[in-house]
Amino acid sequence: MTSMDELRQTLIQLIEDLAHGVQQAQ
């Protein structure tokens, strides 16, 4: 990745996906 914004968006999406998965598991 070439920009911090691109990295930040990818990590935000990752965390949202994982949080959703954790909520489904609960």
mmCIF file of all heavy atoms, coordinates in Angstrom:
data_MODEL
# 
_entry.id   MODEL 
# 
loop_
_atom_site.group_PDB 
_atom_site.id 
_atom_site.type_symbol 
_atom_site.label_atom_id 
_atom_site.label_alt_id 
_atom_site.label_comp_id 
_atom_site.label_asym_id 
_atom_site.label_entity_id 
_atom_site.label_seq_id 
_atom_site.pdbx_PDB_ins_code 
_atom_site.Cartn_x 
_atom_site.Cartn_y 
_atom_site.Cartn_z 
_atom_site.occupancy 
_atom_site.B_iso_or_equiv 
_atom_site.pdbx_formal_charge 
_atom_site.auth_seq_id 
_atom_site.auth_comp_id 
_atom_site.auth_asym_id 
_atom_site.auth_atom_id 
_atom_site.pdbx_PDB_model_num 
ATOM 1   N N   . MET A 1 1  ? 0.842   -1.197  0.000  1.00 0.00 ? 1  MET A N   1 
ATOM 2   C CA  . MET A 1 1  ? 0.000   0.000   0.000  1.00 0.00 ? 1  MET A CA  1 
ATOM 3   C C   . MET A 1 1  ? 0.874   1.242   0.000  1.00 0.00 ? 1  MET A C   1 
ATOM 4   O O   . MET A 1 1  ? 1.913   1.291   0.651  1.00 0.00 ? 1  MET A O   1 
ATOM 5   C CB  . MET A 1 1  ? -0.956  -0.027  1.194  1.00 0.00 ? 1  MET A CB  1 
ATOM 6   C CG  . MET A 1 1  ? -1.977  -1.111  1.040  1.00 0.00 ? 1  MET A CG  1 
ATOM 7   S SD  . MET A 1 1  ? -3.170  -1.087  2.364  1.00 0.00 ? 1  MET A SD  1 
ATOM 8   C CE  . MET A 1 1  ? -4.157  -2.481  1.878  1.00 0.00 ? 1  MET A CE  1 
ATOM 9   N N   . THR A 1 2  ? 0.397   2.245   -0.716 1.00 0.00 ? 2  THR A N   1 
ATOM 10  C CA  . THR A 1 2  ? 1.222   3.432   -0.917 1.00 0.00 ? 2  THR A CA  1 
ATOM 11  C C   . THR A 1 2  ? 0.808   4.621   -0.069 1.00 0.00 ? 2  THR A C   1 
ATOM 12  O O   . THR A 1 2  ? 1.534   5.610   -0.008 1.00 0.00 ? 2  THR A O   1 
ATOM 13  C CB  . THR A 1 2  ? 1.188   3.849   -2.403 1.00 0.00 ? 2  THR A CB  1 
ATOM 14  O OG1 . THR A 1 2  ? -0.172  4.054   -2.792 1.00 0.00 ? 2  THR A OG1 1 
ATOM 15  C CG2 . THR A 1 2  ? 1.826   2.768   -3.267 1.00 0.00 ? 2  THR A CG2 1 
ATOM 16  N N   . SER A 1 3  ? -0.362  4.517   0.558  1.00 0.00 ? 3  SER A N   1 
ATOM 17  C CA  . SER A 1 3  ? -0.768  5.663   1.376  1.00 0.00 ? 3  SER A CA  1 
ATOM 18  C C   . SER A 1 3  ? -1.269  5.192   2.736  1.00 0.00 ? 3  SER A C   1 
ATOM 19  O O   . SER A 1 3  ? -1.771  4.071   2.885  1.00 0.00 ? 3  SER A O   1 
ATOM 20  C CB  . SER A 1 3  ? -1.870  6.468   0.673  1.00 0.00 ? 3  SER A CB  1 
ATOM 21  O OG  . SER A 1 3  ? -3.089  5.762   0.708  1.00 0.00 ? 3  SER A OG  1 
ATOM 22  N N   . MET A 1 4  ? -1.149  6.057   3.699  1.00 0.00 ? 4  MET A N   1 
ATOM 23  C CA  . MET A 1 4  ? -1.631  5.754   5.050  1.00 0.00 ? 4  MET A CA  1 
ATOM 24  C C   . MET A 1 4  ? -3.154  5.635   5.048  1.00 0.00 ? 4  MET A C   1 
ATOM 25  O O   . MET A 1 4  ? -3.716  4.829   5.788  1.00 0.00 ? 4  MET A O   1 
ATOM 26  C CB  . MET A 1 4  ? -1.181  6.831   6.044  1.00 0.00 ? 4  MET A CB  1 
ATOM 27  C CG  . MET A 1 4  ? 0.315   6.788   6.346  1.00 0.00 ? 4  MET A CG  1 
ATOM 28  S SD  . MET A 1 4  ? 0.821   5.197   7.038  1.00 0.00 ? 4  MET A SD  1 
ATOM 29  C CE  . MET A 1 4  ? 0.120   5.295   8.651  1.00 0.00 ? 4  MET A CE  1 
ATOM 30  N N   . ASP A 1 5  ? -3.801  6.427   4.203  1.00 0.00 ? 5  ASP A N   1 
ATOM 31  C CA  . ASP A 1 5  ? -5.267  6.384   4.136  1.00 0.00 ? 5  ASP A CA  1 
ATOM 32  C C   . ASP A 1 5  ? -5.739  5.011   3.645  1.00 0.00 ? 5  ASP A C   1 
ATOM 33  O O   . ASP A 1 5  ? -6.684  4.437   4.184  1.00 0.00 ? 5  ASP A O   1 
ATOM 34  C CB  . ASP A 1 5  ? -5.794  7.493   3.224  1.00 0.00 ? 5  ASP A CB  1 
ATOM 35  C CG  . ASP A 1 5  ? -7.301  7.636   3.346  1.00 0.00 ? 5  ASP A CG  1 
ATOM 36  O OD1 . ASP A 1 5  ? -7.796  7.696   4.495  1.00 0.00 ? 5  ASP A OD1 1 
ATOM 37  O OD2 . ASP A 1 5  ? -7.975  7.659   2.295  1.00 0.00 ? 5  ASP A OD2 1 
ATOM 38  N N   . GLU A 1 6  ? -5.064  4.476   2.633  1.00 0.00 ? 6  GLU A N   1 
ATOM 39  C CA  . GLU A 1 6  ? -5.400  3.158   2.104  1.00 0.00 ? 6  GLU A CA  1 
ATOM 40  C C   . GLU A 1 6  ? -5.185  2.079   3.186  1.00 0.00 ? 6  GLU A C   1 
ATOM 41  O O   . GLU A 1 6  ? -6.022  1.200   3.385  1.00 0.00 ? 6  GLU A O   1 
ATOM 42  C CB  . GLU A 1 6  ? -4.530  2.866   0.875  1.00 0.00 ? 6  GLU A CB  1 
ATOM 43  C CG  . GLU A 1 6  ? -4.865  1.582   0.163  1.00 0.00 ? 6  GLU A CG  1 
ATOM 44  C CD  . GLU A 1 6  ? -3.954  1.337   -1.038 1.00 0.00 ? 6  GLU A CD  1 
ATOM 45  O OE1 . GLU A 1 6  ? -2.942  2.051   -1.210 1.00 0.00 ? 6  GLU A OE1 1 
ATOM 46  O OE2 . GLU A 1 6  ? -4.265  0.399   -1.785 1.00 0.00 ? 6  GLU A OE2 1 
ATOM 47  N N   . LEU A 1 7  ? -4.085  2.185   3.896  1.00 0.00 ? 7  LEU A N   1 
ATOM 48  C CA  . LEU A 1 7  ? -3.790  1.255   4.979  1.00 0.00 ? 7  LEU A CA  1 
ATOM 49  C C   . LEU A 1 7  ? -4.828  1.370   6.088  1.00 0.00 ? 7  LEU A C   1 
ATOM 50  O O   . LEU A 1 7  ? -5.353  0.363   6.580  1.00 0.00 ? 7  LEU A O   1 
ATOM 51  C CB  . LEU A 1 7  ? -2.387  1.521   5.541  1.00 0.00 ? 7  LEU A CB  1 
ATOM 52  C CG  . LEU A 1 7  ? -1.959  0.670   6.726  1.00 0.00 ? 7  LEU A CG  1 
ATOM 53  C CD1 . LEU A 1 7  ? -1.910  -0.804  6.355  1.00 0.00 ? 7  LEU A CD1 1 
ATOM 54  C CD2 . LEU A 1 7  ? -0.613  1.149   7.252  1.00 0.00 ? 7  LEU A CD2 1 
ATOM 55  N N   . ARG A 1 8  ? -5.139  2.592   6.453  1.00 0.00 ? 8  ARG A N   1 
ATOM 56  C CA  . ARG A 1 8  ? -6.125  2.835   7.517  1.00 0.00 ? 8  ARG A CA  1 
ATOM 57  C C   . ARG A 1 8  ? -7.483  2.250   7.125  1.00 0.00 ? 8  ARG A C   1 
ATOM 58  O O   . ARG A 1 8  ? -8.126  1.551   7.916  1.00 0.00 ? 8  ARG A O   1 
ATOM 59  C CB  . ARG A 1 8  ? -6.245  4.330   7.790  1.00 0.00 ? 8  ARG A CB  1 
ATOM 60  C CG  . ARG A 1 8  ? -7.155  4.654   8.969  1.00 0.00 ? 8  ARG A CG  1 
ATOM 61  C CD  . ARG A 1 8  ? -7.163  6.153   9.299  1.00 0.00 ? 8  ARG A CD  1 
ATOM 62  N NE  . ARG A 1 8  ? -7.599  7.000   8.211  1.00 0.00 ? 8  ARG A NE  1 
ATOM 63  C CZ  . ARG A 1 8  ? -8.879  7.190   7.847  1.00 0.00 ? 8  ARG A CZ  1 
ATOM 64  N NH1 . ARG A 1 8  ? -9.830  6.571   8.507  1.00 0.00 ? 8  ARG A NH1 1 
ATOM 65  N NH2 . ARG A 1 8  ? -9.191  7.974   6.861  1.00 0.00 ? 8  ARG A NH2 1 
ATOM 66  N N   . GLN A 1 9  ? -7.937  2.469   5.908  1.00 0.00 ? 9  GLN A N   1 
ATOM 67  C CA  . GLN A 1 9  ? -9.234  1.954   5.457  1.00 0.00 ? 9  GLN A CA  1 
ATOM 68  C C   . GLN A 1 9  ? -9.248  0.420   5.458  1.00 0.00 ? 9  GLN A C   1 
ATOM 69  O O   . GLN A 1 9  ? -10.234 -0.185  5.870  1.00 0.00 ? 9  GLN A O   1 
ATOM 70  C CB  . GLN A 1 9  ? -9.562  2.469   4.050  1.00 0.00 ? 9  GLN A CB  1 
ATOM 71  C CG  . GLN A 1 9  ? -9.978  3.930   4.019  1.00 0.00 ? 9  GLN A CG  1 
ATOM 72  C CD  . GLN A 1 9  ? -11.204 4.173   4.873  1.00 0.00 ? 9  GLN A CD  1 
ATOM 73  O OE1 . GLN A 1 9  ? -11.102 4.754   5.960  1.00 0.00 ? 9  GLN A OE1 1 
ATOM 74  N NE2 . GLN A 1 9  ? -12.357 3.733   4.425  1.00 0.00 ? 9  GLN A NE2 1 
ATOM 75  N N   . THR A 1 10 ? -8.168  -0.183  5.028  1.00 0.00 ? 10 THR A N   1 
ATOM 76  C CA  . THR A 1 10 ? -8.078  -1.649  5.000  1.00 0.00 ? 10 THR A CA  1 
ATOM 77  C C   . THR A 1 10 ? -8.141  -2.211  6.414  1.00 0.00 ? 10 THR A C   1 
ATOM 78  O O   . THR A 1 10 ? -8.845  -3.195  6.678  1.00 0.00 ? 10 THR A O   1 
ATOM 79  C CB  . THR A 1 10 ? -6.778  -2.097  4.298  1.00 0.00 ? 10 THR A CB  1 
ATOM 80  O OG1 . THR A 1 10 ? -6.776  -1.569  2.968  1.00 0.00 ? 10 THR A OG1 1 
ATOM 81  C CG2 . THR A 1 10 ? -6.662  -3.604  4.257  1.00 0.00 ? 10 THR A CG2 1 
ATOM 82  N N   . LEU A 1 11 ? -7.434  -1.591  7.340  1.00 0.00 ? 11 LEU A N   1 
ATOM 83  C CA  . LEU A 1 11 ? -7.439  -2.072  8.722  1.00 0.00 ? 11 LEU A CA  1 
ATOM 84  C C   . LEU A 1 11 ? -8.792  -1.847  9.393  1.00 0.00 ? 11 LEU A C   1 
ATOM 85  O O   . LEU A 1 11 ? -9.257  -2.700  10.159 1.00 0.00 ? 11 LEU A O   1 
ATOM 86  C CB  . LEU A 1 11 ? -6.314  -1.416  9.521  1.00 0.00 ? 11 LEU A CB  1 
ATOM 87  C CG  . LEU A 1 11 ? -4.898  -1.828  9.109  1.00 0.00 ? 11 LEU A CG  1 
ATOM 88  C CD1 . LEU A 1 11 ? -3.864  -1.055  9.919  1.00 0.00 ? 11 LEU A CD1 1 
ATOM 89  C CD2 . LEU A 1 11 ? -4.699  -3.318  9.250  1.00 0.00 ? 11 LEU A CD2 1 
ATOM 90  N N   . ILE A 1 12 ? -9.421  -0.726  9.097  1.00 0.00 ? 12 ILE A N   1 
ATOM 91  C CA  . ILE A 1 12 ? -10.764 -0.467  9.647  1.00 0.00 ? 12 ILE A CA  1 
ATOM 92  C C   . ILE A 1 12 ? -11.733 -1.542  9.152  1.00 0.00 ? 12 ILE A C   1 
ATOM 93  O O   . ILE A 1 12 ? -12.514 -2.098  9.927  1.00 0.00 ? 12 ILE A O   1 
ATOM 94  C CB  . ILE A 1 12 ? -11.252 0.943   9.283  1.00 0.00 ? 12 ILE A CB  1 
ATOM 95  C CG1 . ILE A 1 12 ? -10.485 1.983   10.104 1.00 0.00 ? 12 ILE A CG1 1 
ATOM 96  C CG2 . ILE A 1 12 ? -12.759 1.078   9.499  1.00 0.00 ? 12 ILE A CG2 1 
ATOM 97  C CD1 . ILE A 1 12 ? -10.742 3.416   9.679  1.00 0.00 ? 12 ILE A CD1 1 
ATOM 98  N N   . GLN A 1 13 ? -11.666 -1.844  7.859  1.00 0.00 ? 13 GLN A N   1 
ATOM 99  C CA  . GLN A 1 13 ? -12.544 -2.876  7.298  1.00 0.00 ? 13 GLN A CA  1 
ATOM 100 C C   . GLN A 1 13 ? -12.266 -4.234  7.936  1.00 0.00 ? 13 GLN A C   1 
ATOM 101 O O   . GLN A 1 13 ? -13.185 -4.980  8.263  1.00 0.00 ? 13 GLN A O   1 
ATOM 102 C CB  . GLN A 1 13 ? -12.376 -2.956  5.777  1.00 0.00 ? 13 GLN A CB  1 
ATOM 103 C CG  . GLN A 1 13 ? -13.352 -3.924  5.120  1.00 0.00 ? 13 GLN A CG  1 
ATOM 104 C CD  . GLN A 1 13 ? -14.795 -3.518  5.333  1.00 0.00 ? 13 GLN A CD  1 
ATOM 105 O OE1 . GLN A 1 13 ? -15.166 -2.372  5.082  1.00 0.00 ? 13 GLN A OE1 1 
ATOM 106 N NE2 . GLN A 1 13 ? -15.611 -4.431  5.822  1.00 0.00 ? 13 GLN A NE2 1 
ATOM 107 N N   . LEU A 1 14 ? -10.998 -4.549  8.133  1.00 0.00 ? 14 LEU A N   1 
ATOM 108 C CA  . LEU A 1 14 ? -10.622 -5.814  8.772  1.00 0.00 ? 14 LEU A CA  1 
ATOM 109 C C   . LEU A 1 14 ? -11.225 -5.907  10.169 1.00 0.00 ? 14 LEU A C   1 
ATOM 110 O O   . LEU A 1 14 ? -11.833 -6.909  10.540 1.00 0.00 ? 14 LEU A O   1 
ATOM 111 C CB  . LEU A 1 14 ? -9.096  -5.940  8.847  1.00 0.00 ? 14 LEU A CB  1 
ATOM 112 C CG  . LEU A 1 14 ? -8.562  -7.077  9.715  1.00 0.00 ? 14 LEU A CG  1 
ATOM 113 C CD1 . LEU A 1 14 ? -8.870  -8.429  9.071  1.00 0.00 ? 14 LEU A CD1 1 
ATOM 114 C CD2 . LEU A 1 14 ? -7.077  -6.908  9.965  1.00 0.00 ? 14 LEU A CD2 1 
ATOM 115 N N   . ILE A 1 15 ? -11.067 -4.855  10.939 1.00 0.00 ? 15 ILE A N   1 
ATOM 116 C CA  . ILE A 1 15 ? -11.567 -4.862  12.321 1.00 0.00 ? 15 ILE A CA  1 
ATOM 117 C C   . ILE A 1 15 ? -13.091 -4.934  12.344 1.00 0.00 ? 15 ILE A C   1 
ATOM 118 O O   . ILE A 1 15 ? -13.673 -5.659  13.156 1.00 0.00 ? 15 ILE A O   1 
ATOM 119 C CB  . ILE A 1 15 ? -11.013 -3.663  13.105 1.00 0.00 ? 15 ILE A CB  1 
ATOM 120 C CG1 . ILE A 1 15 ? -9.518  -3.891  13.322 1.00 0.00 ? 15 ILE A CG1 1 
ATOM 121 C CG2 . ILE A 1 15 ? -11.743 -3.472  14.425 1.00 0.00 ? 15 ILE A CG2 1 
ATOM 122 C CD1 . ILE A 1 15 ? -8.780  -2.784  13.966 1.00 0.00 ? 15 ILE A CD1 1 
ATOM 123 N N   . GLU A 1 16 ? -13.757 -4.232  11.436 1.00 0.00 ? 16 GLU A N   1 
ATOM 124 C CA  . GLU A 1 16 ? -15.223 -4.306  11.372 1.00 0.00 ? 16 GLU A CA  1 
ATOM 125 C C   . GLU A 1 16 ? -15.679 -5.720  11.034 1.00 0.00 ? 16 GLU A C   1 
ATOM 126 O O   . GLU A 1 16 ? -16.621 -6.245  11.633 1.00 0.00 ? 16 GLU A O   1 
ATOM 127 C CB  . GLU A 1 16 ? -15.763 -3.309  10.351 1.00 0.00 ? 16 GLU A CB  1 
ATOM 128 C CG  . GLU A 1 16 ? -15.709 -1.876  10.820 1.00 0.00 ? 16 GLU A CG  1 
ATOM 129 C CD  . GLU A 1 16 ? -16.136 -0.874  9.745  1.00 0.00 ? 16 GLU A CD  1 
ATOM 130 O OE1 . GLU A 1 16 ? -16.356 -1.279  8.571  1.00 0.00 ? 16 GLU A OE1 1 
ATOM 131 O OE2 . GLU A 1 16 ? -16.241 0.316   10.083 1.00 0.00 ? 16 GLU A OE2 1 
ATOM 132 N N   . ASP A 1 17 ? -15.008 -6.358  10.072 1.00 0.00 ? 17 ASP A N   1 
ATOM 133 C CA  . ASP A 1 17 ? -15.353 -7.733  9.700  1.00 0.00 ? 17 ASP A CA  1 
ATOM 134 C C   . ASP A 1 17 ? -15.143 -8.688  10.867 1.00 0.00 ? 17 ASP A C   1 
ATOM 135 O O   . ASP A 1 17 ? -15.978 -9.552  11.137 1.00 0.00 ? 17 ASP A O   1 
ATOM 136 C CB  . ASP A 1 17 ? -14.508 -8.204  8.508  1.00 0.00 ? 17 ASP A CB  1 
ATOM 137 C CG  . ASP A 1 17 ? -14.885 -7.519  7.206  1.00 0.00 ? 17 ASP A CG  1 
ATOM 138 O OD1 . ASP A 1 17 ? -15.945 -6.855  7.160  1.00 0.00 ? 17 ASP A OD1 1 
ATOM 139 O OD2 . ASP A 1 17 ? -14.103 -7.633  6.242  1.00 0.00 ? 17 ASP A OD2 1 
ATOM 140 N N   . LEU A 1 18 ? -14.030 -8.539  11.551 1.00 0.00 ? 18 LEU A N   1 
ATOM 141 C CA  . LEU A 1 18 ? -13.743 -9.425  12.684 1.00 0.00 ? 18 LEU A CA  1 
ATOM 142 C C   . LEU A 1 18 ? -14.707 -9.180  13.848 1.00 0.00 ? 18 LEU A C   1 
ATOM 143 O O   . LEU A 1 18 ? -15.158 -10.128 14.489 1.00 0.00 ? 18 LEU A O   1 
ATOM 144 C CB  . LEU A 1 18 ? -12.293 -9.258  13.132 1.00 0.00 ? 18 LEU A CB  1 
ATOM 145 C CG  . LEU A 1 18 ? -11.246 -9.758  12.128 1.00 0.00 ? 18 LEU A CG  1 
ATOM 146 C CD1 . LEU A 1 18 ? -9.848  -9.406  12.616 1.00 0.00 ? 18 LEU A CD1 1 
ATOM 147 C CD2 . LEU A 1 18 ? -11.376 -11.239 11.883 1.00 0.00 ? 18 LEU A CD2 1 
ATOM 148 N N   . ALA A 1 19 ? -15.033 -7.919  14.103 1.00 0.00 ? 19 ALA A N   1 
ATOM 149 C CA  . ALA A 1 19 ? -15.982 -7.605  15.178 1.00 0.00 ? 19 ALA A CA  1 
ATOM 150 C C   . ALA A 1 19 ? -17.351 -8.205  14.868 1.00 0.00 ? 19 ALA A C   1 
ATOM 151 O O   . ALA A 1 19 ? -18.017 -8.759  15.752 1.00 0.00 ? 19 ALA A O   1 
ATOM 152 C CB  . ALA A 1 19 ? -16.086 -6.102  15.372 1.00 0.00 ? 19 ALA A CB  1 
ATOM 153 N N   . HIS A 1 20 ? -17.746 -8.110  13.614 1.00 0.00 ? 20 HIS A N   1 
ATOM 154 C CA  . HIS A 1 20 ? -19.023 -8.710  13.204 1.00 0.00 ? 20 HIS A CA  1 
ATOM 155 C C   . HIS A 1 20 ? -18.991 -10.224 13.429 1.00 0.00 ? 20 HIS A C   1 
ATOM 156 O O   . HIS A 1 20 ? -19.947 -10.816 13.921 1.00 0.00 ? 20 HIS A O   1 
ATOM 157 C CB  . HIS A 1 20 ? -19.302 -8.382  11.738 1.00 0.00 ? 20 HIS A CB  1 
ATOM 158 C CG  . HIS A 1 20 ? -20.564 -8.983  11.221 1.00 0.00 ? 20 HIS A CG  1 
ATOM 159 N ND1 . HIS A 1 20 ? -21.810 -8.532  11.581 1.00 0.00 ? 20 HIS A ND1 1 
ATOM 160 C CD2 . HIS A 1 20 ? -20.765 -10.023 10.376 1.00 0.00 ? 20 HIS A CD2 1 
ATOM 161 C CE1 . HIS A 1 20 ? -22.725 -9.266  10.989 1.00 0.00 ? 20 HIS A CE1 1 
ATOM 162 N NE2 . HIS A 1 20 ? -22.117 -10.175 10.242 1.00 0.00 ? 20 HIS A NE2 1 
ATOM 163 N N   . GLY A 1 21 ? -17.873 -10.846 13.070 1.00 0.00 ? 21 GLY A N   1 
ATOM 164 C CA  . GLY A 1 21 ? -17.727 -12.285 13.277 1.00 0.00 ? 21 GLY A CA  1 
ATOM 165 C C   . GLY A 1 21 ? -17.764 -12.676 14.737 1.00 0.00 ? 21 GLY A C   1 
ATOM 166 O O   . GLY A 1 21 ? -18.386 -13.676 15.107 1.00 0.00 ? 21 GLY A O   1 
ATOM 167 N N   . VAL A 1 22 ? -17.123 -11.892 15.583 1.00 0.00 ? 22 VAL A N   1 
ATOM 168 C CA  . VAL A 1 22 ? -17.134 -12.163 17.020 1.00 0.00 ? 22 VAL A CA  1 
ATOM 169 C C   . VAL A 1 22 ? -18.561 -12.036 17.560 1.00 0.00 ? 22 VAL A C   1 
ATOM 170 O O   . VAL A 1 22 ? -19.019 -12.868 18.344 1.00 0.00 ? 22 VAL A O   1 
ATOM 171 C CB  . VAL A 1 22 ? -16.166 -11.217 17.770 1.00 0.00 ? 22 VAL A CB  1 
ATOM 172 C CG1 . VAL A 1 22 ? -16.397 -11.269 19.265 1.00 0.00 ? 22 VAL A CG1 1 
ATOM 173 C CG2 . VAL A 1 22 ? -14.721 -11.583 17.443 1.00 0.00 ? 22 VAL A CG2 1 
ATOM 174 N N   . GLN A 1 23 ? -19.282 -11.028 17.100 1.00 0.00 ? 23 GLN A N   1 
ATOM 175 C CA  . GLN A 1 23 ? -20.670 -10.841 17.542 1.00 0.00 ? 23 GLN A CA  1 
ATOM 176 C C   . GLN A 1 23 ? -21.530 -12.030 17.110 1.00 0.00 ? 23 GLN A C   1 
ATOM 177 O O   . GLN A 1 23 ? -22.345 -12.521 17.886 1.00 0.00 ? 23 GLN A O   1 
ATOM 178 C CB  . GLN A 1 23 ? -21.245 -9.544  16.981 1.00 0.00 ? 23 GLN A CB  1 
ATOM 179 C CG  . GLN A 1 23 ? -22.628 -9.244  17.476 1.00 0.00 ? 23 GLN A CG  1 
ATOM 180 C CD  . GLN A 1 23 ? -23.146 -7.920  16.949 1.00 0.00 ? 23 GLN A CD  1 
ATOM 181 O OE1 . GLN A 1 23 ? -22.647 -7.381  15.977 1.00 0.00 ? 23 GLN A OE1 1 
ATOM 182 N NE2 . GLN A 1 23 ? -24.161 -7.397  17.600 1.00 0.00 ? 23 GLN A NE2 1 
ATOM 183 N N   . GLN A 1 24 ? -21.338 -12.511 15.897 1.00 0.00 ? 24 GLN A N   1 
ATOM 184 C CA  . GLN A 1 24 ? -22.090 -13.679 15.438 1.00 0.00 ? 24 GLN A CA  1 
ATOM 185 C C   . GLN A 1 24 ? -21.753 -14.908 16.277 1.00 0.00 ? 24 GLN A C   1 
ATOM 186 O O   . GLN A 1 24 ? -22.635 -15.697 16.610 1.00 0.00 ? 24 GLN A O   1 
ATOM 187 C CB  . GLN A 1 24 ? -21.801 -13.959 13.963 1.00 0.00 ? 24 GLN A CB  1 
ATOM 188 C CG  . GLN A 1 24 ? -22.455 -12.981 13.031 1.00 0.00 ? 24 GLN A CG  1 
ATOM 189 C CD  . GLN A 1 24 ? -22.121 -13.278 11.579 1.00 0.00 ? 24 GLN A CD  1 
ATOM 190 O OE1 . GLN A 1 24 ? -21.013 -13.697 11.264 1.00 0.00 ? 24 GLN A OE1 1 
ATOM 191 N NE2 . GLN A 1 24 ? -23.084 -13.068 10.712 1.00 0.00 ? 24 GLN A NE2 1 
ATOM 192 N N   . ALA A 1 25 ? -20.489 -15.066 16.626 1.00 0.00 ? 25 ALA A N   1 
ATOM 193 C CA  . ALA A 1 25 ? -20.089 -16.201 17.461 1.00 0.00 ? 25 ALA A CA  1 
ATOM 194 C C   . ALA A 1 25 ? -20.743 -16.120 18.834 1.00 0.00 ? 25 ALA A C   1 
ATOM 195 O O   . ALA A 1 25 ? -21.208 -17.131 19.371 1.00 0.00 ? 25 ALA A O   1 
ATOM 196 C CB  . ALA A 1 25 ? -18.565 -16.243 17.596 1.00 0.00 ? 25 ALA A CB  1 
ATOM 197 N N   . GLN A 1 26 ? -20.808 -14.913 19.393 1.00 0.00 ? 26 GLN A N   1 
ATOM 198 C CA  . GLN A 1 26 ? -21.455 -14.746 20.699 1.00 0.00 ? 26 GLN A CA  1 
ATOM 199 C C   . GLN A 1 26 ? -22.944 -15.061 20.598 1.00 0.00 ? 26 GLN A C   1 
ATOM 200 O O   . GLN A 1 26 ? -23.501 -15.724 21.468 1.00 0.00 ? 26 GLN A O   1 
ATOM 201 C CB  . GLN A 1 26 ? -21.260 -13.321 21.212 1.00 0.00 ? 26 GLN A CB  1 
ATOM 202 C CG  . GLN A 1 26 ? -19.866 -13.032 21.687 1.00 0.00 ? 26 GLN A CG  1 
ATOM 203 C CD  . GLN A 1 26 ? -19.693 -11.573 22.079 1.00 0.00 ? 26 GLN A CD  1 
ATOM 204 O OE1 . GLN A 1 26 ? -20.308 -10.673 21.495 1.00 0.00 ? 26 GLN A OE1 1 
ATOM 205 N NE2 . GLN A 1 26 ? -18.846 -11.334 23.049 1.00 0.00 ? 26 GLN A NE2 1 
# 
